Amino acid sequence: MSSAKKIFDSIFSKKTLKYMCTTHFWGPVSNFGIPIAAVMDLKKNPELISGPMTGSLILYSLVFMKYAVAVTPKNYLLFGCHFVNEIAQLTQGFRWVKFHYSEDKKKEASAVTA
């Protein structure tokens, strides 16, 4: 049996197809829109970032990463989705803090008021 046939058979096995018809699969797949949007937003102007929303999404992803591995069976796809989102949101949070609280921003604000 060729290796390509083995791979094809494992991808289209009854077990894999049964898994793909569960919420354990489709929940994380549909949820991947959040980290995809966050990664795409990394190129946008940091002035557009909402600090409170970014903080909420950081906490949200932390909680769901924990519960993705607390359930039986462990949902590594959901964990991966929230891991990617966690990294993207932490990056956005860093950009937000840097934009609003950096020394350059303080200098600009004092120059405007002077």
C-alpha atoms as a PDB file:
ATOM      1  CA  MET A   1       0.000   0.000   0.000  1.00  0.00           C
ATOM      2  CA  SER A   2       1.450   3.373  -0.985  1.00  0.00           C
ATOM      3  CA  SER A   3       1.942   6.147   1.544  1.00  0.00           C
ATOM      4  CA  ALA A   4      -0.421   8.426  -0.411  1.00  0.00           C
ATOM      5  CA  LYS A   5      -3.165   5.793  -0.150  1.00  0.00           C
ATOM      6  CA  LYS A   6      -2.546   5.465   3.605  1.00  0.00           C
ATOM      7  CA  ILE A   7      -2.842   9.217   4.048  1.00  0.00           C
ATOM      8  CA  PHE A   8      -5.991   9.326   1.905  1.00  0.00           C
ATOM      9  CA  ASP A   9      -7.527   6.435   3.859  1.00  0.00           C
ATOM     10  CA  SER A  10      -6.757   8.063   7.214  1.00  0.00           C
ATOM     11  CA  ILE A  11      -8.207  11.426   6.140  1.00  0.00           C
ATOM     12  CA  PHE A  12     -11.398   9.839   4.837  1.00  0.00           C
ATOM     13  CA  SER A  13     -11.783   7.187   7.515  1.00  0.00           C
ATOM     14  CA  LYS A  14     -15.122   6.784   9.294  1.00  0.00           C
ATOM     15  CA  LYS A  15     -13.548   8.066  12.504  1.00  0.00           C
ATOM     16  CA  THR A  16     -12.303  11.282  10.870  1.00  0.00           C
ATOM     17  CA  LEU A  17     -15.554  11.892   9.011  1.00  0.00           C
ATOM     18  CA  LYS A  18     -17.532  11.276  12.206  1.00  0.00           C
ATOM     19  CA  TYR A  19     -15.333  13.799  14.057  1.00  0.00           C
ATOM     20  CA  MET A  20     -15.866  16.375  11.318  1.00  0.00           C
ATOM     21  CA  CYS A  21     -19.634  16.168  11.936  1.00  0.00           C
ATOM     22  CA  THR A  22     -19.373  17.266  15.585  1.00  0.00           C
ATOM     23  CA  THR A  23     -19.451  20.580  17.390  1.00  0.00           C
ATOM     24  CA  HIS A  24     -16.058  19.578  18.794  1.00  0.00           C
ATOM     25  CA  PHE A  25     -14.765  20.276  15.263  1.00  0.00           C
ATOM     26  CA  TRP A  26     -17.083  22.971  13.864  1.00  0.00           C
ATOM     27  CA  GLY A  27     -17.104  25.150  16.997  1.00  0.00           C
ATOM     28  CA  PRO A  28     -13.370  25.898  16.809  1.00  0.00           C
ATOM     29  CA  VAL A  29     -13.420  26.121  13.014  1.00  0.00           C
ATOM     30  CA  SER A  30     -16.121  28.792  13.093  1.00  0.00           C
ATOM     31  CA  ASN A  31     -14.394  30.501  16.025  1.00  0.00           C
ATOM     32  CA  PHE A  32     -11.177  30.950  14.002  1.00  0.00           C
ATOM     33  CA  GLY A  33     -12.690  34.146  12.550  1.00  0.00           C
ATOM     34  CA  ILE A  34     -11.706  35.993  15.732  1.00  0.00           C
ATOM     35  CA  PRO A  35      -7.937  35.274  15.604  1.00  0.00           C
ATOM     36  CA  ILE A  36      -7.870  35.711  11.823  1.00  0.00           C
ATOM     37  CA  ALA A  37      -9.388  39.192  12.210  1.00  0.00           C
ATOM     38  CA  ALA A  38      -6.982  39.985  15.063  1.00  0.00           C
ATOM     39  CA  VAL A  39      -3.954  38.970  12.996  1.00  0.00           C
ATOM     40  CA  MET A  40      -5.199  41.049  10.055  1.00  0.00           C
ATOM     41  CA  ASP A  41      -5.694  44.045  12.393  1.00  0.00           C
ATOM     42  CA  LEU A  42      -2.018  43.968  13.411  1.00  0.00           C
ATOM     43  CA  LYS A  43      -1.224  46.164  10.391  1.00  0.00           C
ATOM     44  CA  LYS A  44      -3.844  48.800  11.172  1.00  0.00           C
ATOM     45  CA  ASN A  45      -3.257  52.080  12.963  1.00  0.00           C
ATOM     46  CA  PRO A  46      -2.980  51.501  16.741  1.00  0.00           C
ATOM     47  CA  GLU A  47      -5.274  54.497  17.282  1.00  0.00           C
ATOM     48  CA  LEU A  48      -8.151  52.230  16.180  1.00  0.00           C
ATOM     49  CA  ILE A  49      -7.499  49.602  18.887  1.00  0.00           C
ATOM     50  CA  SER A  50     -10.016  49.400  21.718  1.00  0.00           C
ATOM     51  CA  GLY A  51      -8.140  48.821  24.972  1.00  0.00           C
ATOM     52  CA  PRO A  52     -11.122  47.459  26.928  1.00  0.00           C
ATOM     53  CA  MET A  53     -12.122  45.092  24.104  1.00  0.00           C
ATOM     54  CA  THR A  54      -8.553  43.855  23.696  1.00  0.00           C
ATOM     55  CA  GLY A  55      -8.345  43.212  27.444  1.00  0.00           C
ATOM     56  CA  SER A  56     -11.631  41.305  27.330  1.00  0.00           C
ATOM     57  CA  LEU A  57     -10.442  39.163  24.428  1.00  0.00           C
ATOM     58  CA  ILE A  58      -7.177  38.396  26.232  1.00  0.00           C
ATOM     59  CA  LEU A  59      -9.129  37.092  29.238  1.00  0.00           C
ATOM     60  CA  TYR A  60     -11.657  35.303  27.008  1.00  0.00           C
ATOM     61  CA  SER A  61      -8.963  33.368  25.178  1.00  0.00           C
ATOM     62  CA  LEU A  62      -7.135  32.495  28.407  1.00  0.00           C
ATOM     63  CA  VAL A  63     -10.317  31.024  29.884  1.00  0.00           C
ATOM     64  CA  PHE A  64     -11.184  29.019  26.789  1.00  0.00           C
ATOM     65  CA  MET A  65      -7.627  27.699  26.385  1.00  0.00           C
ATOM     66  CA  LYS A  66      -7.984  26.282  29.887  1.00  0.00           C
ATOM     67  CA  TYR A  67     -11.371  24.706  29.214  1.00  0.00           C
ATOM     68  CA  ALA A  68     -10.332  23.357  25.802  1.00  0.00           C
ATOM     69  CA  VAL A  69      -7.963  20.971  27.572  1.00  0.00           C
ATOM     70  CA  ALA A  70     -10.210  20.448  30.629  1.00  0.00           C
ATOM     71  CA  VAL A  71     -12.984  18.732  28.655  1.00  0.00           C
ATOM     72  CA  THR A  72     -12.959  15.074  27.638  1.00  0.00           C
ATOM     73  CA  PRO A  73     -11.810  14.493  24.987  1.00  0.00           C
ATOM     74  CA  LYS A  74      -9.387  17.395  24.958  1.00  0.00           C
ATOM     75  CA  ASN A  75     -10.166  19.841  22.172  1.00  0.00           C
ATOM     76  CA  TYR A  76      -6.768  20.784  20.780  1.00  0.00           C
ATOM     77  CA  LEU A  77      -8.318  22.535  17.797  1.00  0.00           C
ATOM     78  CA  LEU A  78     -10.161  24.920  20.147  1.00  0.00           C
ATOM     79  CA  PHE A  79      -6.983  25.336  22.189  1.00  0.00           C
ATOM     80  CA  GLY A  80      -5.044  26.258  19.027  1.00  0.00           C
ATOM     81  CA  CYS A  81      -7.692  28.765  17.992  1.00  0.00           C
ATOM     82  CA  HIS A  82      -7.535  30.549  21.337  1.00  0.00           C
ATOM     83  CA  PHE A  83      -3.744  30.296  21.524  1.00  0.00           C
ATOM     84  CA  VAL A  84      -3.437  32.155  18.206  1.00  0.00           C
ATOM     85  CA  ASN A  85      -5.996  34.697  19.412  1.00  0.00           C
ATOM     86  CA  GLU A  86      -4.149  35.128  22.725  1.00  0.00           C
ATOM     87  CA  ILE A  87      -0.885  35.963  20.952  1.00  0.00           C
ATOM     88  CA  ALA A  88      -2.631  38.349  18.536  1.00  0.00           C
ATOM     89  CA  GLN A  89      -4.544  40.100  21.332  1.00  0.00           C
ATOM     90  CA  LEU A  90      -1.454  40.423  23.524  1.00  0.00           C
ATOM     91  CA  THR A  91       0.312  42.021  20.560  1.00  0.00           C
ATOM     92  CA  GLN A  92      -2.622  44.384  20.048  1.00  0.00           C
ATOM     93  CA  GLY A  93      -2.620  45.203  23.756  1.00  0.00           C
ATOM     94  CA  PHE A  94       1.090  46.011  23.619  1.00  0.00           C
ATOM     95  CA  ARG A  95       0.498  48.257  20.601  1.00  0.00           C
ATOM     96  CA  TRP A  96      -2.393  50.003  22.401  1.00  0.00           C
ATOM     97  CA  VAL A  97      -0.318  50.646  25.546  1.00  0.00           C
ATOM     98  CA  LYS A  98       2.645  51.835  23.493  1.00  0.00           C
ATOM     99  CA  PHE A  99       0.427  54.192  21.459  1.00  0.00           C
ATOM    100  CA  HIS A 100      -1.380  55.701  24.448  1.00  0.00           C
ATOM    101  CA  TYR A 101       1.348  55.732  27.083  1.00  0.00           C
ATOM    102  CA  SER A 102       4.708  56.015  25.302  1.00  0.00           C
ATOM    103  CA  GLU A 103       7.024  58.978  25.887  1.00  0.00           C
ATOM    104  CA  ASP A 104       6.503  60.204  22.312  1.00  0.00           C
ATOM    105  CA  LYS A 105       2.766  60.451  22.891  1.00  0.00           C
ATOM    106  CA  LYS A 106       3.286  62.404  26.130  1.00  0.00           C
ATOM    107  CA  LYS A 107       5.649  64.801  24.367  1.00  0.00           C
ATOM    108  CA  GLU A 108       3.104  65.354  21.578  1.00  0.00           C
ATOM    109  CA  ALA A 109       0.325  66.039  24.091  1.00  0.00           C
ATOM    110  CA  SER A 110       2.420  68.540  26.050  1.00  0.00           C
ATOM    111  CA  ALA A 111       3.501  70.288  22.817  1.00  0.00           C
ATOM    112  CA  VAL A 112      -0.151  70.687  21.766  1.00  0.00           C
ATOM    113  CA  THR A 113      -1.211  72.162  25.112  1.00  0.00           C
ATOM    114  CA  ALA A 114       1.807  74.508  25.308  1.00  0.00           C
END
